[in-house]
PDB file of N, CA and C in Angstrom:
ATOM      1  N   MET A   1       0.971  -1.192  -0.026  1.00  0.00           N
ATOM      2  CA  MET A   1       0.216   0.056   0.057  1.00  0.00           C
ATOM      3  C   MET A   1       0.673   1.277   0.262  1.00  0.00           C
ATOM      4  N   SER A   2       0.875   1.957  -0.877  1.00  0.00           N
ATOM      5  CA  SER A   2       1.520   3.205  -1.220  1.00  0.00           C
ATOM      6  C   SER A   2       0.730   4.489  -0.900  1.00  0.00           C
ATOM      7  N   ARG A   3       1.574   5.597  -0.907  1.00  0.00           N
ATOM      8  CA  ARG A   3       0.935   6.810  -0.535  1.00  0.00           C
ATOM      9  C   ARG A   3       1.622   7.842  -1.991  1.00  0.00           C
ATOM     10  N   PRO A   4       0.627   8.477  -1.992  1.00  0.00           N
ATOM     11  CA  PRO A   4       1.047   9.736  -3.258  1.00  0.00           C
ATOM     12  C   PRO A   4       2.375  10.409  -2.886  1.00  0.00           C
ATOM     13  N   VAL A   5       2.753  10.856  -3.979  1.00  0.00           N
ATOM     14  CA  VAL A   5       4.496  11.438  -4.160  1.00  0.00           C
ATOM     15  C   VAL A   5       4.091  12.612  -4.865  1.00  0.00           C
ATOM     16  N   VAL A   6       4.547  13.720  -4.533  1.00  0.00           N
ATOM     17  CA  VAL A   6       4.861  14.811  -4.994  1.00  0.00           C
ATOM     18  C   VAL A   6       6.290  14.612  -5.895  1.00  0.00           C
ATOM     19  N   ARG A   7       6.283  15.198  -6.971  1.00  0.00           N
ATOM     20  CA  ARG A   7       7.333  14.983  -7.766  1.00  0.00           C
ATOM     21  C   ARG A   7       7.555  16.459  -8.384  1.00  0.00           C
ATOM     22  N   PRO A   8       8.874  16.997  -8.455  1.00  0.00           N
ATOM     23  CA  PRO A   8       8.869  18.194  -9.078  1.00  0.00           C
ATOM     24  C   PRO A   8       8.509  18.288 -10.785  1.00  0.00           C
ATOM     25  N   TYR A   9       7.878  19.016 -11.156  1.00  0.00           N
ATOM     26  CA  TYR A   9       7.475  19.443 -12.498  1.00  0.00           C
ATOM     27  C   TYR A   9       7.777  20.935 -12.860  1.00  0.00           C
ATOM     28  N   LYS A  10       8.320  20.522 -14.111  1.00  0.00           N
ATOM     29  CA  LYS A  10       8.854  21.980 -14.603  1.00  0.00           C
ATOM     30  C   LYS A  10       7.871  22.234 -15.763  1.00  0.00           C
ATOM     31  N   LYS A  11       7.399  23.160 -15.471  1.00  0.00           N
ATOM     32  CA  LYS A  11       6.229  23.643 -16.724  1.00  0.00           C
ATOM     33  C   LYS A  11       6.721  23.828 -18.034  1.00  0.00           C
ATOM     34  N   PRO A  12       6.350  23.323 -19.146  1.00  0.00           N
ATOM     35  CA  PRO A  12       7.244  23.488 -20.428  1.00  0.00           C
ATOM     36  C   PRO A  12       6.878  24.713 -21.078  1.00  0.00           C
ATOM     37  N   VAL A  13       7.747  25.445 -21.953  1.00  0.00           N
ATOM     38  CA  VAL A  13       7.692  26.814 -22.051  1.00  0.00           C
ATOM     39  C   VAL A  13       7.049  26.597 -23.429  1.00  0.00           C
ATOM     40  N   HIS A  14       7.394  26.083 -24.052  1.00  0.00           N
ATOM     41  CA  HIS A  14       7.097  25.965 -25.645  1.00  0.00           C
ATOM     42  C   HIS A  14       6.437  24.186 -26.135  1.00  0.00           C
ATOM     43  N   ILE A  15       5.511  24.351 -26.899  1.00  0.00           N
ATOM     44  CA  ILE A  15       4.694  23.305 -27.287  1.00  0.00           C
ATOM     45  C   ILE A  15       5.501  22.011 -27.590  1.00  0.00           C
ATOM     46  N   LYS A  16       6.862  22.314 -28.121  1.00  0.00           N
ATOM     47  CA  LYS A  16       7.927  21.345 -28.138  1.00  0.00           C
ATOM     48  C   LYS A  16       8.374  20.434 -26.815  1.00  0.00           C
ATOM     49  N   GLU A  17       8.203  21.143 -25.745  1.00  0.00           N
ATOM     50  CA  GLU A  17       8.843  20.389 -24.586  1.00  0.00           C
ATOM     51  C   GLU A  17       7.794  19.561 -24.201  1.00  0.00           C
ATOM     52  N   TYR A  18       6.503  19.663 -24.373  1.00  0.00           N
ATOM     53  CA  TYR A  18       5.570  18.905 -23.666  1.00  0.00           C
ATOM     54  C   TYR A  18       5.599  17.514 -24.126  1.00  0.00           C
ATOM     55  N   PRO A  19       5.414  16.540 -22.817  1.00  0.00           N
ATOM     56  CA  PRO A  19       5.920  14.868 -23.155  1.00  0.00           C
ATOM     57  C   PRO A  19       4.697  14.554 -24.383  1.00  0.00           C
ATOM     58  N   LYS A  20       5.159  13.311 -25.083  1.00  0.00           N
ATOM     59  CA  LYS A  20       4.047  12.846 -26.211  1.00  0.00           C
ATOM     60  C   LYS A  20       3.414  11.873 -25.401  1.00  0.00           C
ATOM     61  N   GLY A  21       3.751  11.410 -24.049  1.00  0.00           N
ATOM     62  CA  GLY A  21       2.803  10.437 -23.388  1.00  0.00           C
ATOM     63  C   GLY A  21       2.347  10.930 -22.115  1.00  0.00           C
ATOM     64  N   THR A  22       2.234  10.391 -21.097  1.00  0.00           N
ATOM     65  CA  THR A  22       2.200  11.195 -19.563  1.00  0.00           C
ATOM     66  C   THR A  22       3.289  11.215 -19.197  1.00  0.00           C
ATOM     67  N   CYS A  23       3.225  12.450 -18.309  1.00  0.00           N
ATOM     68  CA  CYS A  23       4.664  12.789 -17.708  1.00  0.00           C
ATOM     69  C   CYS A  23       5.222  12.197 -16.886  1.00  0.00           C
ATOM     70  N   PHE A  24       4.421  11.110 -15.926  1.00  0.00           N
ATOM     71  CA  PHE A  24       5.229  10.181 -14.923  1.00  0.00           C
ATOM     72  C   PHE A  24       4.374   9.151 -14.991  1.00  0.00           C
ATOM     73  N   THR A  25       4.957   8.096 -13.988  1.00  0.00           N
ATOM     74  CA  THR A  25       4.295   7.095 -14.160  1.00  0.00           C
ATOM     75  C   THR A  25       3.084   7.068 -13.057  1.00  0.00           C
ATOM     76  N   ALA A  26       1.846   6.211 -12.766  1.00  0.00           N
ATOM     77  CA  ALA A  26       0.888   6.215 -12.110  1.00  0.00           C
ATOM     78  C   ALA A  26       1.498   6.533 -10.396  1.00  0.00           C
ATOM     79  N   GLY A  27       0.776   7.262  -9.761  1.00  0.00           N
ATOM     80  CA  GLY A  27       1.267   7.080  -8.290  1.00  0.00           C
ATOM     81  C   GLY A  27       2.070   8.625  -7.939  1.00  0.00           C
ATOM     82  N   TYR A  28       2.333   9.598  -8.940  1.00  0.00           N
ATOM     83  CA  TYR A  28       3.038  10.995  -8.634  1.00  0.00           C
ATOM     84  C   TYR A  28       2.088  11.802  -8.836  1.00  0.00           C
ATOM     85  N   LEU A  29       2.125  12.827  -8.185  1.00  0.00           N
ATOM     86  CA  LEU A  29       1.329  14.195  -8.418  1.00  0.00           C
ATOM     87  C   LEU A  29       2.412  15.126  -8.362  1.00  0.00           C
ATOM     88  N   VAL A  30       1.691  16.274  -9.156  1.00  0.00           N
ATOM     89  CA  VAL A  30       2.977  17.620  -9.144  1.00  0.00           C
ATOM     90  C   VAL A  30       2.259  18.631  -8.224  1.00  0.00           C
ATOM     91  N   THR A  31       1.271  18.474  -7.532  1.00  0.00           N
ATOM     92  CA  THR A  31       0.856  19.500  -6.411  1.00  0.00           C
ATOM     93  C   THR A  31      -0.140  19.178  -5.521  1.00  0.00           C
ATOM     94  N   GLU A  32      -0.036  19.580  -4.336  1.00  0.00           N
ATOM     95  CA  GLU A  32      -0.729  19.044  -3.242  1.00  0.00           C
ATOM     96  C   GLU A  32      -2.122  19.910  -3.593  1.00  0.00           C
ATOM     97  N   ASN A  33      -3.342  19.118  -3.232  1.00  0.00           N
ATOM     98  CA  ASN A  33      -4.610  19.311  -4.078  1.00  0.00           C
ATOM     99  C   ASN A  33      -5.524  19.199  -2.771  1.00  0.00           C
ATOM    100  N   ALA A  34      -5.458  19.403  -1.699  1.00  0.00           N
ATOM    101  CA  ALA A  34      -6.280  19.283  -0.618  1.00  0.00           C
ATOM    102  C   ALA A  34      -6.811  20.713  -0.069  1.00  0.00           C
ATOM    103  N   ASP A  35      -6.509  21.653  -0.941  1.00  0.00           N
ATOM    104  CA  ASP A  35      -6.809  23.303  -0.358  1.00  0.00           C
ATOM    105  C   ASP A  35      -8.156  23.463  -0.349  1.00  0.00           C
ATOM    106  N   TRP A  36      -9.262  22.920  -1.343  1.00  0.00           N
ATOM    107  CA  TRP A  36     -10.773  23.401  -1.635  1.00  0.00           C
ATOM    108  C   TRP A  36     -11.495  22.564  -0.451  1.00  0.00           C
ATOM    109  N   ARG A  37     -11.092  21.454   0.027  1.00  0.00           N
ATOM    110  CA  ARG A  37     -11.933  20.571   0.503  1.00  0.00           C
ATOM    111  C   ARG A  37     -12.497  21.190   1.742  1.00  0.00           C
ATOM    112  N   THR A  38     -13.961  20.792   1.879  1.00  0.00           N
ATOM    113  CA  THR A  38     -14.943  21.351   2.437  1.00  0.00           C
ATOM    114  C   THR A  38     -15.065  20.369   3.949  1.00  0.00           C
ATOM    115  N   GLU A  39     -15.232  18.984   3.954  1.00  0.00           N
ATOM    116  CA  GLU A  39     -15.197  17.876   4.895  1.00  0.00           C
ATOM    117  C   GLU A  39     -13.919  17.159   4.686  1.00  0.00           C
ATOM    118  N   LYS A  40     -13.467  16.408   5.585  1.00  0.00           N
ATOM    119  CA  LYS A  40     -12.180  15.776   5.703  1.00  0.00           C
ATOM    120  C   LYS A  40     -12.520  14.134   6.613  1.00  0.00           C
ATOM    121  N   PRO A  41     -12.280  12.835   6.104  1.00  0.00           N
ATOM    122  CA  PRO A  41     -12.621  11.906   6.765  1.00  0.00           C
ATOM    123  C   PRO A  41     -11.789  11.708   7.776  1.00  0.00           C
ATOM    124  N   VAL A  42     -12.189  11.206   8.719  1.00  0.00           N
ATOM    125  CA  VAL A  42     -11.497  10.861   9.871  1.00  0.00           C
ATOM    126  C   VAL A  42     -11.858   9.400  10.442  1.00  0.00           C
ATOM    127  N   ILE A  43     -10.858   8.853  10.858  1.00  0.00           N
ATOM    128  CA  ILE A  43     -10.676   7.115  11.082  1.00  0.00           C
ATOM    129  C   ILE A  43     -10.767   7.059  12.120  1.00  0.00           C
ATOM    130  N   ASN A  44     -11.845   6.433  12.973  1.00  0.00           N
ATOM    131  CA  ASN A  44     -11.703   5.789  14.072  1.00  0.00           C
ATOM    132  C   ASN A  44     -11.122   4.482  14.142  1.00  0.00           C
ATOM    133  N   ASN A  45      -9.855   4.634  14.643  1.00  0.00           N
ATOM    134  CA  ASN A  45      -9.023   3.448  14.749  1.00  0.00           C
ATOM    135  C   ASN A  45      -9.606   1.994  15.542  1.00  0.00           C
ATOM    136  N   GLU A  46     -10.354   2.595  16.581  1.00  0.00           N
ATOM    137  CA  GLU A  46     -10.877   1.473  17.720  1.00  0.00           C
ATOM    138  C   GLU A  46     -12.248   0.666  16.716  1.00  0.00           C
ATOM    139  N   SER A  47     -12.830   1.546  15.810  1.00  0.00           N
ATOM    140  CA  SER A  47     -14.015   0.826  15.281  1.00  0.00           C
ATOM    141  C   SER A  47     -13.545  -0.254  13.873  1.00  0.00           C
ATOM    142  N   CYS A  48     -12.028   0.530  13.478  1.00  0.00           N
ATOM    143  CA  CYS A  48     -11.821   0.106  12.046  1.00  0.00           C
ATOM    144  C   CYS A  48     -11.221  -1.385  12.221  1.00  0.00           C
ATOM    145  N   ASN A  49     -11.594  -2.190  11.435  1.00  0.00           N
ATOM    146  CA  ASN A  49     -11.334  -3.881  11.387  1.00  0.00           C
ATOM    147  C   ASN A  49     -10.140  -4.112  10.562  1.00  0.00           C
ATOM    148  N   GLY A  50      -9.485  -3.043   9.888  1.00  0.00           N
ATOM    149  CA  GLY A  50      -8.423  -3.517   9.056  1.00  0.00           C
ATOM    150  C   GLY A  50      -8.955  -4.081   7.543  1.00  0.00           C
ATOM    151  N   CYS A  51     -10.065  -4.123   7.026  1.00  0.00           N
ATOM    152  CA  CYS A  51     -10.326  -4.698   5.956  1.00  0.00           C
ATOM    153  C   CYS A  51      -9.455  -4.258   4.469  1.00  0.00           C
ATOM    154  N   PHE A  52      -9.344  -2.758   5.004  1.00  0.00           N
ATOM    155  CA  PHE A  52      -8.969  -2.351   3.568  1.00  0.00           C
ATOM    156  C   PHE A  52      -9.756  -2.054   2.638  1.00  0.00           C
ATOM    157  N   TYR A  53     -10.698  -1.794   2.714  1.00  0.00           N
ATOM    158  CA  TYR A  53     -11.941  -1.557   1.595  1.00  0.00           C
ATOM    159  C   TYR A  53     -11.728  -0.277   1.202  1.00  0.00           C
ATOM    160  N   CYS A  54     -11.661   0.508   2.017  1.00  0.00           N
ATOM    161  CA  CYS A  54     -11.850   2.129   1.882  1.00  0.00           C
ATOM    162  C   CYS A  54     -10.462   2.310   1.017  1.00  0.00           C
ATOM    163  N   TYR A  55      -9.420   1.642   1.406  1.00  0.00           N
ATOM    164  CA  TYR A  55      -8.011   1.780   0.468  1.00  0.00           C
ATOM    165  C   TYR A  55      -8.506   1.288  -1.083  1.00  0.00           C
ATOM    166  N   LEU A  56      -9.129   0.191  -1.290  1.00  0.00           N
ATOM    167  CA  LEU A  56      -9.702  -0.276  -2.792  1.00  0.00           C
ATOM    168  C   LEU A  56     -10.593   0.988  -3.139  1.00  0.00           C
ATOM    169  N   CYS A  57     -11.281   1.542  -2.409  1.00  0.00           N
ATOM    170  CA  CYS A  57     -12.480   2.529  -3.143  1.00  0.00           C
ATOM    171  C   CYS A  57     -11.925   4.081  -3.144  1.00  0.00           C
ATOM    172  N   CYS A  58     -10.905   4.127  -2.847  1.00  0.00           N
ATOM    173  CA  CYS A  58     -10.448   5.626  -2.531  1.00  0.00           C
ATOM    174  C   CYS A  58      -9.681   6.088  -4.022  1.00  0.00           C
ATOM    175  N   PRO A  59     -10.699   7.101  -4.737  1.00  0.00           N
ATOM    176  CA  PRO A  59     -10.355   7.427  -6.057  1.00  0.00           C
ATOM    177  C   PRO A  59      -8.481   7.905  -6.413  1.00  0.00           C
ATOM    178  N   GLU A  60      -8.412   8.618  -5.201  1.00  0.00           N
ATOM    179  CA  GLU A  60      -7.254   9.589  -5.246  1.00  0.00           C
ATOM    180  C   GLU A  60      -6.075   8.426  -4.463  1.00  0.00           C
ATOM    181  N   GLY A  61      -5.872   7.555  -4.044  1.00  0.00           N
ATOM    182  CA  GLY A  61      -5.166   6.591  -3.652  1.00  0.00           C
ATOM    183  C   GLY A  61      -4.507   7.213  -2.178  1.00  0.00           C
ATOM    184  N   VAL A  62      -5.446   7.819  -1.504  1.00  0.00           N
ATOM    185  CA  VAL A  62      -4.558   8.962  -0.378  1.00  0.00           C
ATOM    186  C   VAL A  62      -4.684   7.747   0.913  1.00  0.00           C
ATOM    187  N   ILE A  63      -5.131   6.690   0.939  1.00  0.00           N
ATOM    188  CA  ILE A  63      -5.539   5.935   2.139  1.00  0.00           C
ATOM    189  C   ILE A  63      -4.183   4.712   2.219  1.00  0.00           C
ATOM    190  N   PHE A  64      -3.629   4.418   3.008  1.00  0.00           N
ATOM    191  CA  PHE A  64      -2.373   3.642   3.308  1.00  0.00           C
ATOM    192  C   PHE A  64      -2.392   2.813   4.608  1.00  0.00           C
ATOM    193  N   LYS A  65      -1.564   1.920   4.722  1.00  0.00           N
ATOM    194  CA  LYS A  65      -1.585   1.065   5.910  1.00  0.00           C
ATOM    195  C   LYS A  65      -0.538   1.743   6.882  1.00  0.00           C
ATOM    196  N   LYS A  66      -1.198   1.463   7.941  1.00  0.00           N
ATOM    197  CA  LYS A  66      -0.277   1.840   9.349  1.00  0.00           C
ATOM    198  C   LYS A  66      -0.585   1.092  10.281  1.00  0.00           C
ATOM    199  N   GLU A  67       0.167   0.210  10.460  1.00  0.00           N
ATOM    200  CA  GLU A  67       0.088  -0.750  11.700  1.00  0.00           C
ATOM    201  C   GLU A  67      -1.094  -1.580  11.753  1.00  0.00           C
ATOM    202  N   ASN A  68      -1.382  -2.117  10.673  1.00  0.00           N
ATOM    203  CA  ASN A  68      -2.421  -3.052  10.331  1.00  0.00           C
ATOM    204  C   ASN A  68      -3.685  -2.151  10.512  1.00  0.00           C
ATOM    205  N   LYS A  69      -3.703  -0.921  10.556  1.00  0.00           N
ATOM    206  CA  LYS A  69      -4.899   0.069  10.523  1.00  0.00           C
ATOM    207  C   LYS A  69      -4.640   0.804   9.326  1.00  0.00           C
ATOM    208  N   VAL A  70      -5.582   1.818   8.603  1.00  0.00           N
ATOM    209  CA  VAL A  70      -5.129   2.634   7.624  1.00  0.00           C
ATOM    210  C   VAL A  70      -5.162   4.124   8.176  1.00  0.00           C
ATOM    211  N   ASP A  71      -4.467   4.622   7.287  1.00  0.00           N
ATOM    212  CA  ASP A  71      -4.333   6.343   7.798  1.00  0.00           C
ATOM    213  C   ASP A  71      -4.698   7.211   6.012  1.00  0.00           C
ATOM    214  N   ILE A  72      -4.712   8.288   6.522  1.00  0.00           N
ATOM    215  CA  ILE A  72      -5.143   9.261   5.332  1.00  0.00           C
ATOM    216  C   ILE A  72      -3.854  10.352   5.112  1.00  0.00           C
ATOM    217  N   ASP A  73      -3.571  10.578   3.800  1.00  0.00           N
ATOM    218  CA  ASP A  73      -2.672  11.631   3.730  1.00  0.00           C
ATOM    219  C   ASP A  73      -3.522  12.742   3.286  1.00  0.00           C
ATOM    220  N   TYR A  74      -3.568  13.639   4.276  1.00  0.00           N
ATOM    221  CA  TYR A  74      -4.525  14.664   4.008  1.00  0.00           C
ATOM    222  C   TYR A  74      -3.865  15.612   3.134  1.00  0.00           C
ATOM    223  N   LYS A  75      -2.873  15.703   2.487  1.00  0.00           N
ATOM    224  CA  LYS A  75      -2.225  16.649   1.596  1.00  0.00           C
ATOM    225  C   LYS A  75      -2.666  16.449   0.236  1.00  0.00           C
ATOM    226  N   PHE A  76      -3.334  15.388   0.055  1.00  0.00           N
ATOM    227  CA  PHE A  76      -3.958  14.939  -1.056  1.00  0.00           C
ATOM    228  C   PHE A  76      -5.424  14.430  -1.140  1.00  0.00           C
ATOM    229  N   CYS A  77      -6.123  14.345  -0.063  1.00  0.00           N
ATOM    230  CA  CYS A  77      -7.286  13.992   0.145  1.00  0.00           C
ATOM    231  C   CYS A  77      -8.172  15.388  -0.347  1.00  0.00           C
ATOM    232  N   LYS A  78      -9.117  14.732  -1.239  1.00  0.00           N
ATOM    233  CA  LYS A  78     -10.069  16.055  -1.753  1.00  0.00           C
ATOM    234  C   LYS A  78     -11.460  15.667  -1.158  1.00  0.00           C
ATOM    235  N   GLY A  79     -11.833  14.883  -0.261  1.00  0.00           N
ATOM    236  CA  GLY A  79     -12.884  15.070   0.653  1.00  0.00           C
ATOM    237  C   GLY A  79     -13.997  14.630   0.198  1.00  0.00           C
ATOM    238  N   CYS A  80     -13.939  13.636  -0.839  1.00  0.00           N
ATOM    239  CA  CYS A  80     -15.071  12.968  -1.514  1.00  0.00           C
ATOM    240  C   CYS A  80     -15.886  12.203  -0.938  1.00  0.00           C
ATOM    241  N   GLY A  81     -15.608  11.585   0.304  1.00  0.00           N
ATOM    242  CA  GLY A  81     -16.430  10.751   1.096  1.00  0.00           C
ATOM    243  C   GLY A  81     -16.389   9.456   0.691  1.00  0.00           C
ATOM    244  N   ILE A  82     -16.094   9.128  -0.393  1.00  0.00           N
ATOM    245  CA  ILE A  82     -16.374   7.983  -0.816  1.00  0.00           C
ATOM    246  C   ILE A  82     -15.761   6.311   0.010  1.00  0.00           C
ATOM    247  N   CYS A  83     -14.691   6.928   0.864  1.00  0.00           N
ATOM    248  CA  CYS A  83     -14.225   6.089   1.994  1.00  0.00           C
ATOM    249  C   CYS A  83     -15.083   5.969   3.114  1.00  0.00           C
ATOM    250  N   ALA A  84     -15.757   7.028   3.452  1.00  0.00           N
ATOM    251  CA  ALA A  84     -16.570   7.076   4.672  1.00  0.00           C
ATOM    252  C   ALA A  84     -18.325   5.724   3.714  1.00  0.00           C
ATOM    253  N   LYS A  85     -18.621   6.209   2.810  1.00  0.00           N
ATOM    254  CA  LYS A  85     -19.478   5.456   2.564  1.00  0.00           C
ATOM    255  C   LYS A  85     -19.105   4.045   2.289  1.00  0.00           C
ATOM    256  N   ALA A  86     -17.949   3.865   1.682  1.00  0.00           N
ATOM    257  CA  ALA A  86     -17.537   2.270   1.677  1.00  0.00           C
ATOM    258  C   ALA A  86     -17.409   1.555   3.144  1.00  0.00           C
ATOM    259  N   CYS A  87     -17.021   2.358   3.986  1.00  0.00           N
ATOM    260  CA  CYS A  87     -16.550   1.537   5.283  1.00  0.00           C
ATOM    261  C   CYS A  87     -17.480   0.838   5.586  1.00  0.00           C
ATOM    262  N   LYS A  88     -17.396  -0.399   5.638  1.00  0.00           N
ATOM    263  CA  LYS A  88     -18.741  -1.281   6.556  1.00  0.00           C
ATOM    264  C   LYS A  88     -18.798  -1.090   7.900  1.00  0.00           C
ATOM    265  N   ALA A  89     -17.547  -0.822   8.515  1.00  0.00           N
ATOM    266  CA  ALA A  89     -17.724  -0.854   9.998  1.00  0.00           C
ATOM    267  C   ALA A  89     -17.775   0.323  10.266  1.00  0.00           C
ATOM    268  N   LYS A  90     -18.062   1.407   9.492  1.00  0.00           N
ATOM    269  CA  LYS A  90     -18.502   2.943  10.066  1.00  0.00           C
ATOM    270  C   LYS A  90     -17.411   3.303  10.835  1.00  0.00           C
ATOM    271  N   ALA A  91     -16.152   2.893  10.272  1.00  0.00           N
ATOM    272  CA  ALA A  91     -15.020   3.879  11.116  1.00  0.00           C
ATOM    273  C   ALA A  91     -14.768   5.032  10.637  1.00  0.00           C
ATOM    274  N   ILE A  92     -15.300   5.395   9.505  1.00  0.00           N
ATOM    275  CA  ILE A  92     -14.691   6.933   8.823  1.00  0.00           C
ATOM    276  C   ILE A  92     -15.998   7.501   8.808  1.00  0.00           C
ATOM    277  N   THR A  93     -15.900   8.957   9.196  1.00  0.00           N
ATOM    278  CA  THR A  93     -16.611   9.827   9.393  1.00  0.00           C
ATOM    279  C   THR A  93     -16.498  10.975   8.911  1.00  0.00           C
ATOM    280  N   MET A  94     -17.384  11.823   8.131  1.00  0.00           N
ATOM    281  CA  MET A  94     -16.906  12.885   7.400  1.00  0.00           C
ATOM    282  C   MET A  94     -17.214  14.316   8.191  1.00  0.00           C
ATOM    283  N   ASN A  95     -15.635  15.066   8.610  1.00  0.00           N
ATOM    284  CA  ASN A  95     -16.039  15.937   9.443  1.00  0.00           C
ATOM    285  C   ASN A  95     -15.850  17.170   8.640  1.00  0.00           C
ATOM    286  N   ARG A  96     -16.418  18.490   9.233  1.00  0.00           N
ATOM    287  CA  ARG A  96     -16.373  19.717   8.699  1.00  0.00           C
ATOM    288  C   ARG A  96     -14.876  20.140   8.792  1.00  0.00           C
ATOM    289  N   GLU A  97     -14.144  20.686   7.621  1.00  0.00           N
ATOM    290  CA  GLU A  97     -13.033  21.277   7.610  1.00  0.00           C
ATOM    291  C   GLU A  97     -12.875  22.430   8.409  1.00  0.00           C
ATOM    292  N   GLU A  98     -12.000  22.735   9.358  1.00  0.00           N
ATOM    293  CA  GLU A  98     -11.758  24.009   9.838  1.00  0.00           C
ATOM    294  C   GLU A  98     -11.667  25.088   9.288  1.00  0.00           C
TER     295      GLU A  98
END
């Protein structure tokens, strides 16, 4: 279970500098993208049964394994709430962002 990683990206100046395919392999981001989030998922580790279904459902790949439980990388989480809806143990709740 891996976490997203920011990779430096130099914006091309001329059209010839743009890559012909993708810029990076999957799992790399060029910016942190959580600034516009209004709610964030919070994990209750007492309720988490470690099934990692939330990890499979997360479209951003920000959920990762930590000591047989899950944790969230909030720098990249967009607050979509899919993990909270998918959690069968109801261990993830969506809390209003401060």
